[in-house]
Amino acid sequence: MAARKSVFTVDGDLLNVTSPCVQEAAKGTPYKFAQNTYHVTGAPSKKGPAVDYQLCKSIIEGVVKTIYTDKPKDLLNQKIVAFSYFYDRAQDAGLVDSEWSDECEEGGDVTIKSFYEAAEKECSNTNYNELRPFKCLDLTYISVLLEQGFGLPVKTSVSLLNTIDGHEISWALGAAYHILQNGL
């Protein structure tokens, strides 16, 4: 997940990383990306064991701003559909159920504002989750990417899908899905 790597290496491409977007209880938590293993430790926070959401968000805003300089204006008039990472993080946060009845698809519709609210809630959580140590970072990144990277208003609804007609889909099928729905 390049998003995490971008945030973790904002101060240099180090393999031992201290991040304010991860709880301090994370001590050398391994994160593998592109044949490298990063060891991530949470930075001390003025919020105690919780992540300083505003600080984390500002770091992510800086990363997104450098990567996404042109906002695709056509998105404002399109149905937004997301898969894989977006769906998984929304499900982790309880924003979508694993069973959604519309057209036998698994997923749901979520506003960008809901992602922001879930991110802030997760970042303020004082209980460390060993199974999901990057949940605060991931939800914050998704929120900032959708609003500031892609230029979508926070009221925008995003359809999050995991399956179509009972078949699991992945991020690689996102472009194909769009073409099939809308033509070339």
Protein backbone atom coordinates (compact mmCIF):
# COMPACT_ATOMS: atom_id res chain seq x y z
CA MET A 1 0.00 0.00 0.00
CA ALA A 2 1.82 2.96 -1.40
CA ALA A 3 -0.33 5.37 0.61
CA ARG A 4 1.11 4.15 3.90
CA LYS A 5 4.66 4.20 2.56
CA SER A 6 4.19 7.79 1.38
CA VAL A 7 3.08 8.86 4.85
CA PHE A 8 5.71 6.81 6.70
CA THR A 9 8.60 8.07 4.58
CA VAL A 10 7.59 11.74 4.43
CA ASP A 11 10.80 12.59 6.33
CA GLY A 12 13.01 10.25 4.30
CA ASP A 13 13.00 6.69 3.06
CA LEU A 14 13.87 4.98 6.33
CA LEU A 15 13.10 1.40 7.26
CA ASN A 16 12.68 2.28 10.95
CA VAL A 17 9.87 4.79 11.05
CA THR A 18 8.25 6.83 13.79
CA SER A 19 4.82 8.09 12.78
CA PRO A 20 2.35 10.38 14.54
CA CYS A 21 -0.40 8.57 12.56
CA VAL A 22 0.08 5.40 14.61
CA GLN A 23 -0.54 4.90 18.32
CA GLU A 24 2.53 5.09 20.53
CA ALA A 25 1.83 1.50 21.63
CA ALA A 26 2.96 0.34 18.19
CA LYS A 27 6.60 -0.54 18.72
CA GLY A 28 8.39 -1.61 15.55
CA THR A 29 5.21 -2.93 13.94
CA PRO A 30 6.24 -4.51 10.61
CA TYR A 31 4.79 -3.15 7.39
CA LYS A 32 5.83 -4.74 4.08
CA PHE A 33 5.77 -2.84 0.82
CA ALA A 34 7.73 -3.23 -2.44
CA GLN A 35 10.14 -5.83 -1.06
CA ASN A 36 10.96 -3.69 1.98
CA THR A 37 9.90 -4.23 5.55
CA TYR A 38 9.34 -1.03 7.49
CA HIS A 39 9.30 -1.11 11.27
CA VAL A 40 6.76 1.44 12.45
CA THR A 41 6.64 2.93 15.92
CA GLY A 42 3.98 5.37 17.00
CA ALA A 43 5.15 8.84 17.97
CA PRO A 44 4.30 10.18 21.44
CA SER A 45 1.10 12.22 21.31
CA LYS A 46 -0.24 15.06 23.41
CA LYS A 47 -3.49 13.06 23.25
CA GLY A 48 -1.98 10.32 25.44
CA PRO A 49 -2.36 6.85 23.95
CA ALA A 50 -4.60 8.21 21.16
CA VAL A 51 -3.30 9.57 17.86
CA ASP A 52 -3.34 13.34 17.37
CA TYR A 53 -5.85 13.29 14.51
CA GLN A 54 -5.21 16.89 13.40
CA LEU A 55 -1.45 16.32 13.21
CA CYS A 56 -1.88 13.06 11.31
CA LYS A 57 -4.38 14.68 8.95
CA SER A 58 -2.04 17.60 8.24
CA ILE A 59 0.81 15.22 7.35
CA ILE A 60 -1.47 13.27 5.02
CA GLU A 61 -2.75 16.50 3.46
CA GLY A 62 0.85 17.41 2.64
CA VAL A 63 1.46 14.02 1.02
CA VAL A 64 -1.78 14.13 -1.00
CA LYS A 65 -1.13 17.72 -2.08
CA THR A 66 2.23 16.78 -3.62
CA ILE A 67 0.84 13.73 -5.44
CA TYR A 68 -2.55 14.96 -6.63
CA THR A 69 -2.02 18.40 -8.12
CA ASP A 70 -4.78 18.21 -10.76
CA LYS A 71 -8.27 17.37 -9.61
CA PRO A 72 -10.31 15.42 -12.17
CA LYS A 73 -13.33 17.71 -12.65
CA ASP A 74 -15.34 15.00 -14.44
CA LEU A 75 -15.65 13.09 -11.17
CA LEU A 76 -18.08 15.69 -9.84
CA ASN A 77 -20.71 14.47 -12.32
CA GLN A 78 -20.06 10.73 -12.01
CA LYS A 79 -21.12 7.94 -9.71
CA ILE A 80 -18.08 7.17 -7.60
CA VAL A 81 -17.37 3.46 -7.09
CA ALA A 82 -14.43 2.16 -5.07
CA PHE A 83 -13.13 -1.34 -4.35
CA SER A 84 -10.56 -3.25 -2.34
CA TYR A 85 -8.68 -1.00 0.12
CA PHE A 86 -11.57 1.48 0.33
CA TYR A 87 -14.11 -1.28 0.98
CA ASP A 88 -11.89 -3.12 3.47
CA ARG A 89 -11.19 -0.01 5.55
CA ALA A 90 -14.87 1.01 5.51
CA GLN A 91 -15.86 -2.45 6.68
CA ASP A 92 -13.22 -2.35 9.45
CA ALA A 93 -14.75 0.94 10.61
CA GLY A 94 -18.31 -0.42 10.50
CA LEU A 95 -19.33 1.89 7.66
CA VAL A 96 -20.52 -0.97 5.43
CA ASP A 97 -21.88 -4.41 6.15
CA SER A 98 -20.40 -7.49 4.59
CA GLU A 99 -23.83 -8.22 3.11
CA TRP A 100 -25.63 -5.70 0.93
CA SER A 101 -28.71 -6.75 -0.97
CA ASP A 102 -28.67 -4.37 -3.96
CA GLU A 103 -27.98 -6.45 -7.09
CA CYS A 104 -26.32 -9.17 -4.99
CA GLU A 105 -23.39 -6.86 -4.36
CA GLU A 106 -21.44 -6.83 -1.14
CA GLY A 107 -20.72 -3.29 0.02
CA GLY A 108 -22.62 -0.08 0.58
CA ASP A 109 -22.81 3.65 0.01
CA VAL A 110 -20.76 5.91 2.28
CA THR A 111 -20.20 9.66 2.25
CA ILE A 112 -16.74 11.15 2.45
CA LYS A 113 -17.91 12.90 5.63
CA SER A 114 -18.57 9.44 7.13
CA PHE A 115 -14.99 8.46 6.34
CA TYR A 116 -13.74 11.62 8.10
CA GLU A 117 -15.91 10.89 11.14
CA ALA A 118 -14.72 7.28 11.28
CA ALA A 119 -11.10 8.44 10.99
CA GLU A 120 -11.44 10.93 13.82
CA LYS A 121 -13.18 8.33 15.99
CA GLU A 122 -10.50 5.72 15.30
CA CYS A 123 -7.65 8.15 15.90
CA SER A 124 -9.15 9.14 19.27
CA ASN A 125 -9.41 5.50 20.35
CA THR A 126 -7.10 4.88 23.31
CA ASN A 127 -7.16 1.08 22.97
CA TYR A 128 -4.36 -0.22 20.77
CA ASN A 129 -5.52 -2.68 18.10
CA GLU A 130 -2.66 -5.04 17.21
CA LEU A 131 -4.63 -6.48 14.30
CA ARG A 132 -5.29 -3.06 12.72
CA PRO A 133 -2.46 -0.77 13.85
CA PHE A 134 -2.77 1.48 10.77
CA LYS A 135 -6.55 1.95 10.84
CA CYS A 136 -6.39 5.63 11.89
CA LEU A 137 -3.88 6.42 9.14
CA ASP A 138 -5.79 4.49 6.47
CA LEU A 139 -9.18 6.09 7.20
CA THR A 140 -7.62 9.54 7.35
CA TYR A 141 -5.77 8.97 4.07
CA ILE A 142 -8.94 7.80 2.30
CA SER A 143 -10.87 10.85 3.55
CA VAL A 144 -8.21 13.34 2.51
CA LEU A 145 -7.59 11.61 -0.83
CA LEU A 146 -11.26 11.66 -1.82
CA GLU A 147 -11.88 15.26 -0.78
CA GLN A 148 -8.60 17.06 -1.32
CA GLY A 149 -6.88 14.74 -3.80
CA PHE A 150 -9.85 14.16 -6.09
CA GLY A 151 -11.71 17.38 -5.26
CA LEU A 152 -14.95 15.71 -4.17
CA PRO A 153 -17.27 17.49 -1.71
CA VAL A 154 -17.60 15.76 1.70
CA LYS A 155 -21.30 15.12 1.02
CA THR A 156 -20.35 12.93 -1.98
CA SER A 157 -21.56 9.35 -1.72
CA VAL A 158 -19.11 6.62 -2.66
CA SER A 159 -20.36 3.14 -3.55
CA LEU A 160 -18.02 0.64 -1.97
CA LEU A 161 -18.08 -2.84 -3.44
CA ASN A 162 -16.43 -6.11 -2.55
CA THR A 163 -18.44 -8.46 -4.75
CA ILE A 164 -20.59 -8.26 -7.86
CA ASP A 165 -22.95 -11.16 -8.51
CA GLY A 166 -21.14 -13.11 -5.80
CA HIS A 167 -17.68 -12.67 -7.34
CA GLU A 168 -15.02 -10.84 -5.36
CA ILE A 169 -13.53 -7.85 -7.12
CA SER A 170 -10.23 -6.05 -6.61
CA TRP A 171 -8.76 -2.63 -7.31
CA ALA A 172 -7.43 -3.85 -10.67
CA LEU A 173 -10.97 -4.35 -11.89
CA GLY A 174 -12.00 -0.80 -11.06
CA ALA A 175 -11.13 0.58 -14.47
CA ALA A 176 -12.73 -2.36 -16.25
CA TYR A 177 -15.92 -1.92 -14.22
CA HIS A 178 -16.09 1.74 -15.17
CA ILE A 179 -15.62 0.95 -18.87
CA LEU A 180 -18.26 -1.78 -18.79
CA GLN A 181 -20.75 0.53 -17.08
CA ASN A 182 -20.07 3.61 -19.19
CA GLY A 183 -18.37 2.50 -22.40
CA LEU A 184 -15.01 3.71 -23.65
